């Protein structure tokens, strides 16, 4: 037993090095977010949505090789569901998810650079039309639980990286 235990630190270092080799970066730009199709009206809520989307793009980019940078410009967002005002207070509007024509969509353009040279680029109109009918591993409390699988699918299809990310 003692003999095998001395190999564990070396194995842990090798796994850590393998993870570090895959750590691309991302730069996300939101083009006129106040004009997006469907975003919260309150500035603080809109900022929070964009912050969470940027963090998700960052998690996705970590699946890229170390020497690659993904540049994303988001030109429009339509979140899942529709906002319906409540009678009492406009600050407490509800987002209702019906699973009809209220699926999440996002328009973006991207370029992938490696060592300063563009190796891939394009524009996409993403949508998750079956957002209520497909399995979703993001927790119910995640405000973007229907938009994140849409981004995961796009990332996997475009860059060949694993689609589902761990939550931590």
N, C-alpha and C. Protein backbone atom coordinates (compact mmCIF):
# COMPACT_ATOMS: atom_id res chain seq x y z
N UNK A 1 0.81 -1.19 0.00
CA UNK A 1 0.00 0.00 0.00
C UNK A 1 0.85 1.26 0.00
N UNK A 2 1.87 1.31 0.80
CA UNK A 2 2.73 2.49 0.85
C UNK A 2 3.35 2.77 -0.51
N UNK A 3 3.73 1.72 -1.16
CA UNK A 3 4.42 1.85 -2.45
C UNK A 3 3.54 2.56 -3.48
N UNK A 4 2.25 2.27 -3.51
CA UNK A 4 1.35 2.88 -4.48
C UNK A 4 0.98 4.31 -4.11
N UNK A 5 0.98 4.62 -2.82
CA UNK A 5 0.54 5.95 -2.40
C UNK A 5 1.49 7.05 -2.85
N UNK A 6 2.74 6.74 -3.12
CA UNK A 6 3.66 7.80 -3.55
C UNK A 6 3.40 8.22 -5.00
N UNK A 7 2.62 7.46 -5.75
CA UNK A 7 2.31 7.81 -7.13
C UNK A 7 1.11 8.76 -7.24
N UNK A 8 0.30 8.83 -6.20
CA UNK A 8 -0.88 9.69 -6.25
C UNK A 8 -0.54 11.17 -6.47
N UNK A 9 0.45 11.73 -5.78
CA UNK A 9 0.77 13.14 -6.04
C UNK A 9 1.20 13.38 -7.49
N UNK A 10 1.97 12.45 -8.05
CA UNK A 10 2.40 12.60 -9.44
C UNK A 10 1.20 12.52 -10.38
N UNK A 11 0.27 11.62 -10.11
CA UNK A 11 -0.93 11.50 -10.94
C UNK A 11 -1.78 12.76 -10.85
N UNK A 12 -1.89 13.33 -9.66
CA UNK A 12 -2.66 14.57 -9.48
C UNK A 12 -2.03 15.71 -10.26
N UNK A 13 -0.71 15.80 -10.25
CA UNK A 13 -0.03 16.86 -11.00
C UNK A 13 -0.24 16.69 -12.50
N UNK A 14 -0.22 15.45 -12.98
CA UNK A 14 -0.43 15.21 -14.40
C UNK A 14 -1.85 15.60 -14.81
N UNK A 15 -2.84 15.30 -13.97
CA UNK A 15 -4.22 15.69 -14.27
C UNK A 15 -4.38 17.20 -14.27
N UNK A 16 -3.73 17.86 -13.33
CA UNK A 16 -3.82 19.33 -13.28
C UNK A 16 -3.18 19.95 -14.52
N UNK A 17 -2.08 19.40 -14.97
CA UNK A 17 -1.40 19.90 -16.16
C UNK A 17 -2.26 19.68 -17.40
N UNK A 18 -2.94 18.56 -17.46
CA UNK A 18 -3.83 18.28 -18.60
C UNK A 18 -4.98 19.29 -18.64
N UNK A 19 -5.53 19.64 -17.47
CA UNK A 19 -6.60 20.62 -17.42
C UNK A 19 -6.11 22.00 -17.81
N UNK A 20 -4.90 22.35 -17.43
CA UNK A 20 -4.35 23.67 -17.75
C UNK A 20 -4.08 23.82 -19.24
N UNK A 21 -3.82 22.70 -19.92
CA UNK A 21 -3.54 22.77 -21.35
C UNK A 21 -4.77 23.18 -22.15
N UNK A 22 -5.92 23.01 -21.56
CA UNK A 22 -7.15 23.37 -22.23
C UNK A 22 -7.77 24.54 -21.48
N UNK A 23 -7.39 25.75 -21.85
CA UNK A 23 -7.89 26.93 -21.14
C UNK A 23 -7.86 28.14 -22.05
N UNK A 24 -8.67 28.11 -23.10
CA UNK A 24 -8.76 29.26 -23.99
C UNK A 24 -9.44 30.43 -23.28
N UNK A 25 -9.49 31.55 -23.96
CA UNK A 25 -10.11 32.74 -23.39
C UNK A 25 -11.22 33.24 -24.30
N UNK A 26 -12.03 34.14 -23.78
CA UNK A 26 -13.13 34.70 -24.55
C UNK A 26 -13.24 36.19 -24.27
N UNK A 27 -13.64 36.92 -25.30
CA UNK A 27 -13.98 38.33 -25.16
C UNK A 27 -15.40 38.46 -25.70
N UNK A 28 -16.33 38.89 -24.83
CA UNK A 28 -17.73 39.00 -25.20
C UNK A 28 -18.10 40.47 -25.26
N UNK A 29 -18.73 40.86 -26.36
CA UNK A 29 -19.23 42.22 -26.54
C UNK A 29 -20.72 42.14 -26.79
N UNK A 30 -21.46 43.01 -26.14
CA UNK A 30 -22.91 43.08 -26.35
C UNK A 30 -23.19 44.37 -27.12
N UNK A 31 -23.68 44.22 -28.33
CA UNK A 31 -23.93 45.36 -29.21
C UNK A 31 -25.31 45.94 -28.92
N UNK A 32 -25.35 47.10 -28.32
CA UNK A 32 -26.58 47.81 -27.97
C UNK A 32 -27.57 46.94 -27.20
N UNK A 33 -27.20 46.49 -26.01
CA UNK A 33 -28.08 45.59 -25.25
C UNK A 33 -29.43 46.21 -24.88
N UNK A 34 -29.51 47.53 -24.83
CA UNK A 34 -30.80 48.17 -24.53
C UNK A 34 -31.81 47.92 -25.64
N UNK A 35 -31.32 47.59 -26.84
CA UNK A 35 -32.20 47.34 -27.98
C UNK A 35 -32.47 45.86 -28.22
N UNK A 36 -31.98 44.99 -27.34
CA UNK A 36 -32.23 43.56 -27.50
C UNK A 36 -33.72 43.31 -27.44
N UNK A 37 -34.14 42.30 -28.16
CA UNK A 37 -35.56 41.96 -28.28
C UNK A 37 -36.23 41.77 -26.92
N UNK A 38 -35.58 41.02 -26.04
CA UNK A 38 -36.21 40.68 -24.77
C UNK A 38 -35.17 40.60 -23.67
N UNK A 39 -35.07 41.69 -22.92
CA UNK A 39 -34.18 41.76 -21.77
C UNK A 39 -34.93 42.47 -20.66
N UNK A 40 -34.53 42.25 -19.40
CA UNK A 40 -35.19 42.97 -18.32
C UNK A 40 -35.10 44.48 -18.53
N UNK A 41 -36.13 45.18 -18.12
CA UNK A 41 -36.14 46.64 -18.27
C UNK A 41 -35.24 47.32 -17.25
N UNK A 42 -35.19 46.79 -16.04
CA UNK A 42 -34.37 47.40 -15.00
C UNK A 42 -32.89 47.21 -15.35
N UNK A 43 -32.14 48.30 -15.24
CA UNK A 43 -30.72 48.29 -15.58
C UNK A 43 -29.95 47.24 -14.78
N UNK A 44 -30.23 47.12 -13.49
CA UNK A 44 -29.50 46.16 -12.65
C UNK A 44 -29.79 44.73 -13.08
N UNK A 45 -31.04 44.43 -13.44
CA UNK A 45 -31.39 43.08 -13.88
C UNK A 45 -30.76 42.77 -15.24
N UNK A 46 -30.76 43.74 -16.14
CA UNK A 46 -30.14 43.56 -17.46
C UNK A 46 -28.65 43.32 -17.30
N UNK A 47 -28.01 44.09 -16.43
CA UNK A 47 -26.58 43.92 -16.17
C UNK A 47 -26.29 42.53 -15.62
N UNK A 48 -27.16 42.04 -14.73
CA UNK A 48 -26.97 40.71 -14.15
C UNK A 48 -27.09 39.62 -15.21
N UNK A 49 -28.05 39.73 -16.11
CA UNK A 49 -28.21 38.74 -17.18
C UNK A 49 -26.96 38.72 -18.06
N UNK A 50 -26.47 39.89 -18.44
CA UNK A 50 -25.27 39.94 -19.29
C UNK A 50 -24.04 39.42 -18.56
N UNK A 51 -23.96 39.69 -17.27
CA UNK A 51 -22.84 39.17 -16.46
C UNK A 51 -22.87 37.64 -16.41
N UNK A 52 -24.06 37.07 -16.23
CA UNK A 52 -24.18 35.61 -16.18
C UNK A 52 -23.88 34.98 -17.54
N UNK A 53 -24.32 35.63 -18.61
CA UNK A 53 -24.01 35.11 -19.96
C UNK A 53 -22.52 35.16 -20.22
N UNK A 54 -21.88 36.25 -19.83
CA UNK A 54 -20.43 36.37 -20.02
C UNK A 54 -19.70 35.29 -19.25
N UNK A 55 -20.13 35.03 -18.02
CA UNK A 55 -19.51 33.96 -17.22
C UNK A 55 -19.69 32.61 -17.89
N UNK A 56 -20.83 32.39 -18.52
CA UNK A 56 -21.05 31.10 -19.20
C UNK A 56 -20.16 30.98 -20.44
N UNK A 57 -20.05 32.05 -21.21
CA UNK A 57 -19.12 32.05 -22.34
C UNK A 57 -17.70 31.76 -21.86
N UNK A 58 -17.34 32.32 -20.72
CA UNK A 58 -16.00 32.10 -20.16
C UNK A 58 -15.79 30.62 -19.83
N UNK A 59 -16.80 29.99 -19.23
CA UNK A 59 -16.70 28.55 -18.94
C UNK A 59 -16.55 27.74 -20.22
N UNK A 60 -17.29 28.12 -21.24
CA UNK A 60 -17.19 27.40 -22.52
C UNK A 60 -15.80 27.57 -23.13
N UNK A 61 -15.27 28.78 -23.10
CA UNK A 61 -13.96 29.06 -23.71
C UNK A 61 -12.84 28.29 -23.03
N UNK A 62 -13.02 27.93 -21.77
CA UNK A 62 -11.99 27.16 -21.07
C UNK A 62 -11.82 25.77 -21.67
N UNK A 63 -12.75 25.37 -22.50
CA UNK A 63 -12.65 24.07 -23.18
C UNK A 63 -11.76 24.16 -24.43
N UNK A 64 -11.43 25.39 -24.83
CA UNK A 64 -10.56 25.59 -25.99
C UNK A 64 -9.10 25.42 -25.61
N UNK A 65 -8.24 25.15 -26.57
CA UNK A 65 -6.80 25.09 -26.28
C UNK A 65 -6.28 26.42 -25.75
N UNK A 66 -5.22 26.35 -25.00
CA UNK A 66 -4.64 27.51 -24.32
C UNK A 66 -4.35 28.68 -25.24
N UNK A 67 -3.90 28.43 -26.44
CA UNK A 67 -3.50 29.51 -27.35
C UNK A 67 -4.63 30.02 -28.23
N UNK A 68 -5.89 29.72 -27.87
CA UNK A 68 -7.02 30.18 -28.67
C UNK A 68 -7.85 31.20 -27.90
N UNK A 69 -8.32 32.21 -28.64
CA UNK A 69 -9.22 33.21 -28.07
C UNK A 69 -10.47 33.27 -28.92
N UNK A 70 -11.60 33.22 -28.23
CA UNK A 70 -12.90 33.34 -28.88
C UNK A 70 -13.40 34.76 -28.69
N UNK A 71 -13.77 35.42 -29.78
CA UNK A 71 -14.35 36.76 -29.73
C UNK A 71 -15.81 36.63 -30.15
N UNK A 72 -16.71 37.04 -29.28
CA UNK A 72 -18.15 36.92 -29.53
C UNK A 72 -18.79 38.30 -29.44
N UNK A 73 -19.59 38.63 -30.44
CA UNK A 73 -20.41 39.85 -30.39
C UNK A 73 -21.87 39.42 -30.44
N UNK A 74 -22.57 39.67 -29.35
CA UNK A 74 -23.98 39.32 -29.26
C UNK A 74 -24.78 40.52 -29.76
N UNK A 75 -25.62 40.30 -30.77
CA UNK A 75 -26.38 41.39 -31.37
C UNK A 75 -27.85 41.40 -30.98
N UNK A 76 -28.36 40.28 -30.45
CA UNK A 76 -29.74 40.26 -29.99
C UNK A 76 -29.95 39.06 -29.07
N UNK A 77 -30.83 39.25 -28.10
CA UNK A 77 -31.20 38.17 -27.18
C UNK A 77 -32.71 38.23 -26.97
N UNK A 78 -33.32 37.06 -27.01
CA UNK A 78 -34.72 36.91 -26.65
C UNK A 78 -34.76 35.76 -25.65
N UNK A 79 -34.97 36.08 -24.39
CA UNK A 79 -34.96 35.08 -23.34
C UNK A 79 -36.18 34.18 -23.44
N UNK A 80 -36.09 33.00 -22.84
CA UNK A 80 -37.21 32.05 -22.85
C UNK A 80 -38.41 32.66 -22.15
N UNK A 81 -39.59 32.38 -22.68
CA UNK A 81 -40.83 32.86 -22.08
C UNK A 81 -41.14 34.29 -22.48
N UNK A 82 -42.17 34.81 -21.88
CA UNK A 82 -42.61 36.19 -22.12
C UNK A 82 -42.88 36.85 -20.79
N UNK A 83 -42.56 38.13 -20.70
CA UNK A 83 -42.82 38.89 -19.49
C UNK A 83 -44.25 39.38 -19.52
N UNK A 84 -44.96 39.10 -18.44
CA UNK A 84 -46.33 39.59 -18.31
C UNK A 84 -46.41 40.43 -17.05
N UNK A 85 -46.94 41.63 -17.19
CA UNK A 85 -47.00 42.52 -16.02
C UNK A 85 -47.98 42.00 -14.98
N UNK A 86 -47.64 42.25 -13.73
CA UNK A 86 -48.57 41.94 -12.65
C UNK A 86 -49.45 43.17 -12.43
N UNK A 87 -50.53 42.98 -11.78
CA UNK A 87 -51.46 44.09 -11.57
C UNK A 87 -50.95 45.11 -10.58
N UNK A 88 -50.26 44.67 -9.57
CA UNK A 88 -49.89 45.56 -8.48
C UNK A 88 -48.67 46.41 -8.75
N UNK A 89 -47.62 45.80 -9.28
CA UNK A 89 -46.36 46.52 -9.33
C UNK A 89 -45.58 46.08 -10.57
N UNK A 90 -45.22 47.03 -11.41
CA UNK A 90 -44.48 46.71 -12.64
C UNK A 90 -43.09 46.16 -12.33
N UNK A 91 -42.59 46.42 -11.13
CA UNK A 91 -41.26 45.92 -10.76
C UNK A 91 -41.28 44.41 -10.50
N UNK A 92 -42.47 43.84 -10.34
CA UNK A 92 -42.58 42.42 -10.07
C UNK A 92 -43.21 41.67 -11.24
N UNK A 93 -42.89 42.06 -12.46
CA UNK A 93 -43.41 41.37 -13.63
C UNK A 93 -42.97 39.91 -13.60
N UNK A 94 -43.78 39.05 -14.17
CA UNK A 94 -43.49 37.62 -14.18
C UNK A 94 -43.09 37.17 -15.58
N UNK A 95 -42.13 36.27 -15.65
CA UNK A 95 -41.75 35.64 -16.92
C UNK A 95 -42.49 34.31 -16.98
N UNK A 96 -43.38 34.20 -17.95
CA UNK A 96 -44.20 33.00 -18.12
C UNK A 96 -43.63 32.15 -19.25
N UNK A 97 -43.43 30.87 -18.96
CA UNK A 97 -42.90 29.92 -19.94
C UNK A 97 -44.05 29.02 -20.39
N UNK A 98 -44.39 29.10 -21.67
CA UNK A 98 -45.51 28.31 -22.17
C UNK A 98 -45.07 27.19 -23.11
N UNK A 99 -43.86 27.27 -23.64
CA UNK A 99 -43.39 26.23 -24.55
C UNK A 99 -43.97 26.35 -25.94
N UNK A 100 -44.51 27.49 -26.28
CA UNK A 100 -45.05 27.70 -27.61
C UNK A 100 -44.01 28.47 -28.43
N UNK A 101 -44.33 29.62 -28.93
CA UNK A 101 -43.37 30.40 -29.72
C UNK A 101 -42.62 31.37 -28.82
N UNK A 102 -42.26 30.91 -27.62
CA UNK A 102 -41.55 31.77 -26.68
C UNK A 102 -40.18 31.19 -26.31
N UNK A 103 -39.60 30.44 -27.24
CA UNK A 103 -38.30 29.82 -26.99
C UNK A 103 -37.20 30.88 -26.98
N UNK A 104 -36.07 30.55 -26.31
CA UNK A 104 -34.96 31.51 -26.29
C UNK A 104 -34.24 31.54 -27.63
N UNK A 105 -33.79 32.74 -28.00
CA UNK A 105 -32.99 32.90 -29.22
C UNK A 105 -31.86 33.88 -28.92
N UNK A 106 -30.82 33.78 -29.73
CA UNK A 106 -29.69 34.69 -29.60
C UNK A 106 -29.02 34.82 -30.96
N UNK A 107 -28.72 36.05 -31.34
CA UNK A 107 -27.97 36.32 -32.57
C UNK A 107 -26.58 36.76 -32.16
N UNK A 108 -25.58 36.16 -32.81
CA UNK A 108 -24.20 36.50 -32.48
C UNK A 108 -23.30 36.30 -33.67
N UNK A 109 -22.16 36.95 -33.62
CA UNK A 109 -21.09 36.67 -34.57
C UNK A 109 -19.86 36.33 -33.74
N UNK A 110 -18.97 35.54 -34.33
CA UNK A 110 -17.81 35.09 -33.56
C UNK A 110 -16.60 34.97 -34.47
N UNK A 111 -15.45 35.02 -33.84
CA UNK A 111 -14.21 34.65 -34.52
C UNK A 111 -13.35 33.92 -33.50
N UNK A 112 -12.68 32.89 -33.96
CA UNK A 112 -11.78 32.12 -33.12
C UNK A 112 -10.37 32.37 -33.62
N UNK A 113 -9.52 32.86 -32.73
CA UNK A 113 -8.14 33.17 -33.10
C UNK A 113 -7.19 32.20 -32.42
N UNK A 114 -6.16 31.87 -33.14
CA UNK A 114 -5.08 31.05 -32.59
C UNK A 114 -3.77 31.72 -32.94
N UNK A 115 -3.00 32.05 -31.95
CA UNK A 115 -1.72 32.75 -32.13
C UNK A 115 -1.91 34.01 -32.97
N UNK A 116 -3.02 34.72 -32.74
CA UNK A 116 -3.28 35.99 -33.42
C UNK A 116 -3.88 35.89 -34.81
N UNK A 117 -4.12 34.68 -35.30
CA UNK A 117 -4.71 34.50 -36.63
C UNK A 117 -6.11 33.91 -36.51
N UNK A 118 -7.04 34.44 -37.30
CA UNK A 118 -8.41 33.93 -37.28
C UNK A 118 -8.44 32.57 -37.97
N UNK A 119 -8.93 31.57 -37.23
CA UNK A 119 -9.01 30.22 -37.78
C UNK A 119 -10.45 29.78 -38.04
N UNK A 120 -11.41 30.52 -37.48
CA UNK A 120 -12.83 30.24 -37.73
C UNK A 120 -13.62 31.49 -37.41
N UNK A 121 -14.70 31.69 -38.15
CA UNK A 121 -15.57 32.83 -37.87
C UNK A 121 -16.94 32.57 -38.48
N UNK A 122 -17.91 33.31 -38.02
CA UNK A 122 -19.24 33.15 -38.57
C UNK A 122 -20.27 33.95 -37.80
N UNK A 123 -21.50 33.87 -38.25
CA UNK A 123 -22.64 34.48 -37.58
C UNK A 123 -23.67 33.40 -37.37
N UNK A 124 -24.35 33.47 -36.25
CA UNK A 124 -25.33 32.44 -35.90
C UNK A 124 -26.60 33.07 -35.35
N UNK A 125 -27.71 32.43 -35.63
CA UNK A 125 -28.99 32.74 -35.01
C UNK A 125 -29.39 31.49 -34.23
N UNK A 126 -29.08 31.48 -32.95
CA UNK A 126 -29.32 30.32 -32.11
C UNK A 126 -30.75 30.30 -31.61
N UNK A 127 -31.29 29.10 -31.43
CA UNK A 127 -32.61 28.97 -30.83
C UNK A 127 -32.73 27.61 -30.15
N UNK A 128 -33.54 27.58 -29.12
CA UNK A 128 -33.79 26.35 -28.37
C UNK A 128 -35.31 26.14 -28.36
N UNK A 129 -35.83 25.67 -29.49
CA UNK A 129 -37.28 25.56 -29.68
C UNK A 129 -37.94 24.53 -28.76
N UNK A 130 -37.20 23.56 -28.32
CA UNK A 130 -37.75 22.53 -27.44
C UNK A 130 -37.30 22.74 -26.00
N UNK A 131 -37.15 23.98 -25.61
CA UNK A 131 -36.56 24.29 -24.32
C UNK A 131 -37.30 23.69 -23.12
N UNK A 132 -38.58 23.48 -23.21
CA UNK A 132 -39.31 22.87 -22.11
C UNK A 132 -39.44 21.36 -22.25
N UNK A 133 -39.16 20.82 -23.43
CA UNK A 133 -39.37 19.41 -23.70
C UNK A 133 -38.11 18.55 -23.62
N UNK A 134 -36.96 19.17 -23.54
CA UNK A 134 -35.73 18.38 -23.49
C UNK A 134 -35.14 18.39 -22.09
N UNK A 135 -34.32 17.41 -21.83
CA UNK A 135 -33.68 17.31 -20.53
C UNK A 135 -32.77 18.52 -20.32
N UNK A 136 -32.83 19.08 -19.14
CA UNK A 136 -32.03 20.25 -18.82
C UNK A 136 -31.33 20.00 -17.49
N UNK A 137 -30.02 20.01 -17.52
CA UNK A 137 -29.25 19.71 -16.32
C UNK A 137 -28.95 20.94 -15.47
N UNK A 138 -29.34 22.10 -15.95
CA UNK A 138 -29.13 23.30 -15.15
C UNK A 138 -30.23 23.39 -14.11
N UNK A 139 -29.90 23.85 -12.91
CA UNK A 139 -30.89 23.86 -11.82
C UNK A 139 -32.04 24.82 -12.09
N UNK A 140 -33.19 24.51 -11.50
CA UNK A 140 -34.39 25.32 -11.68
C UNK A 140 -34.21 26.77 -11.25
N UNK A 141 -33.33 27.04 -10.32
CA UNK A 141 -33.10 28.40 -9.85
C UNK A 141 -32.19 29.22 -10.75
N UNK A 142 -31.61 28.61 -11.77
CA UNK A 142 -30.72 29.32 -12.69
C UNK A 142 -31.56 30.16 -13.64
N UNK A 143 -31.38 31.47 -13.59
CA UNK A 143 -32.18 32.39 -14.40
C UNK A 143 -32.01 32.16 -15.90
N UNK A 144 -30.90 31.55 -16.31
CA UNK A 144 -30.63 31.32 -17.73
C UNK A 144 -30.57 29.83 -18.05
N UNK A 145 -31.37 29.05 -17.36
CA UNK A 145 -31.30 27.59 -17.52
C UNK A 145 -31.75 27.11 -18.89
N UNK A 146 -32.44 27.93 -19.66
CA UNK A 146 -32.86 27.53 -21.00
C UNK A 146 -31.94 28.12 -22.07
N UNK A 147 -31.27 29.19 -21.75
CA UNK A 147 -30.35 29.81 -22.70
C UNK A 147 -29.00 29.09 -22.69
N UNK A 148 -28.56 28.62 -21.54
CA UNK A 148 -27.25 27.97 -21.43
C UNK A 148 -27.15 26.68 -22.26
N UNK A 149 -28.16 25.79 -22.25
CA UNK A 149 -28.05 24.60 -23.12
C UNK A 149 -27.97 24.97 -24.60
N UNK A 150 -28.64 26.06 -24.98
CA UNK A 150 -28.58 26.53 -26.37
C UNK A 150 -27.14 26.94 -26.70
N UNK A 151 -26.47 27.64 -25.79
CA UNK A 151 -25.07 28.02 -26.01
C UNK A 151 -24.15 26.80 -25.98
N UNK A 152 -24.44 25.87 -25.07
CA UNK A 152 -23.64 24.63 -25.00
C UNK A 152 -23.69 23.88 -26.33
N UNK A 153 -24.90 23.75 -26.89
CA UNK A 153 -25.07 23.03 -28.16
C UNK A 153 -24.31 23.74 -29.28
N UNK A 154 -24.44 25.06 -29.34
CA UNK A 154 -23.72 25.83 -30.37
C UNK A 154 -22.22 25.63 -30.23
N UNK A 155 -21.72 25.72 -29.02
CA UNK A 155 -20.29 25.59 -28.79
C UNK A 155 -19.79 24.20 -29.21
N UNK A 156 -20.53 23.17 -28.82
CA UNK A 156 -20.15 21.81 -29.18
C UNK A 156 -20.18 21.62 -30.70
N UNK A 157 -21.25 22.09 -31.34
CA UNK A 157 -21.38 21.92 -32.79
C UNK A 157 -20.33 22.72 -33.55
N UNK A 158 -19.96 23.89 -33.05
CA UNK A 158 -19.03 24.76 -33.75
C UNK A 158 -17.57 24.44 -33.46
N UNK A 159 -17.27 24.13 -32.20
CA UNK A 159 -15.87 23.96 -31.81
C UNK A 159 -15.53 22.54 -31.35
N UNK A 160 -16.54 21.67 -31.28
CA UNK A 160 -16.29 20.27 -30.94
C UNK A 160 -15.96 20.02 -29.50
N UNK A 161 -16.25 20.95 -28.63
CA UNK A 161 -15.95 20.78 -27.21
C UNK A 161 -17.15 20.17 -26.50
N UNK A 162 -16.94 19.58 -25.32
CA UNK A 162 -18.06 18.99 -24.58
C UNK A 162 -19.17 19.98 -24.35
N UNK A 163 -20.42 19.54 -24.50
CA UNK A 163 -21.56 20.45 -24.42
C UNK A 163 -21.98 20.76 -22.99
N UNK A 164 -22.11 19.77 -22.14
CA UNK A 164 -22.63 20.02 -20.79
C UNK A 164 -21.49 20.31 -19.85
N UNK A 165 -21.59 21.42 -19.17
CA UNK A 165 -20.57 21.83 -18.22
C UNK A 165 -21.02 21.49 -16.81
N UNK A 166 -20.07 21.28 -15.95
CA UNK A 166 -20.43 21.10 -14.55
C UNK A 166 -20.82 22.44 -13.96
N UNK A 167 -21.56 22.42 -12.91
CA UNK A 167 -22.07 23.66 -12.32
C UNK A 167 -21.02 24.39 -11.50
N UNK A 168 -19.98 23.76 -11.08
CA UNK A 168 -18.97 24.40 -10.24
C UNK A 168 -17.74 24.74 -11.01
